[in-house]
Amino acid sequence: MKRFISLLVVFAILAACCASAFAASEKAVYAANSLYKLGLFKGVGENPDGTPIFDLDRAPTRNEAVTMLVRLLGKETEAKSREWATPFTDLDDWVKPYVGYAYNNKLTNGISATEFGGALAVTASQYITFVLRALGYDSTTDFQYDKAWELSDKLGFTDGYYNSALPSFTRGDVAIISYSALDALKKGTSITLRESIFGRGELSAELKDLLDGYEAFIDKYCEFIKNYNLSVTSLLSKYMDIMTDFNQWKLKIDKLDTDSMSTADAEYYSEVMLRCAEKLSKTA
């Protein structure tokens, strides 16, 4: 009984807080929505209720991939603020700022000396190459552009899913890779891509108090479960009380918007959640 109760609590917390537990399509939706909230990803239109249409199951073109990359870096305004010189003669007007910014910042090349090939579908390795370059890596010295996933796997923002046998590459995959890359370190630094875009920020005193209170409750819960005995009737009412407290804490934690947290807040949130998960796993 003790093990069953504890596992239920572990499952409830991890289901609420851990995006990596989602299936692939759900990961894409989660990543796209998270990036959208951060202003780093846009849809191809809007639903009647005003929510964005991401079109995640469609293969992205090179034009779309470069546009999404520039938005990921938070550089859309800068890209559209000036005219950029490029050697490409096949660019549509709408994509010129994005390709211009990416080309002049050594994030992309063309398919020939004068063609960008924007209407062609982008591959997994090509998009990962874009992101790796944004992190400061060089495709001539640090990795092979046609096997870019080998480095991104090592850096921790792809999970071994992307390879030469991948049957298709979608806008959903772009969202997943982009969102995961936010927490990757830029080459030779201790600064994440997210920090380079938004800055680190300071740990919120209000959030710290909330998370510290939550961890203190988890300590209390774990201690109770260790001593819980079904044969002791007096413990039943205490169990009901502690589960009431658990539900109240869960509501508070569920209300936290992790996507809008500063880097400092997000790091402390992750530290507390990991510690709590470890404590609960030892109790189970």
Foldseek 3Di string as FASTA:
>chain_A
DLVVVLVVLLCLLCVLPPLVVDDLVSLLVVLQVLCVVVQLHAAPQADPVGHGHNQFVAFAFQLVLLVSLCSLLVNPVVLVPDAADALADPDDPVSRSSVRVCVVLVLDDAPDRHHNRRRHGDAPLQSLSSLLVVLPDDCVPRHPSQASVVVVCVQPQDPPPDDPPDPGDTNSNSSSSSSSQQQGHRPPDPAGSVCSRVNQDDADPVLVVLLVVVLVLLVVVLVLSVVDDPVDVVCVVVVVVSVVVSVVSSVVVSPDDLSPDGNNHNVVVVVSSVVSSVSSVVSD
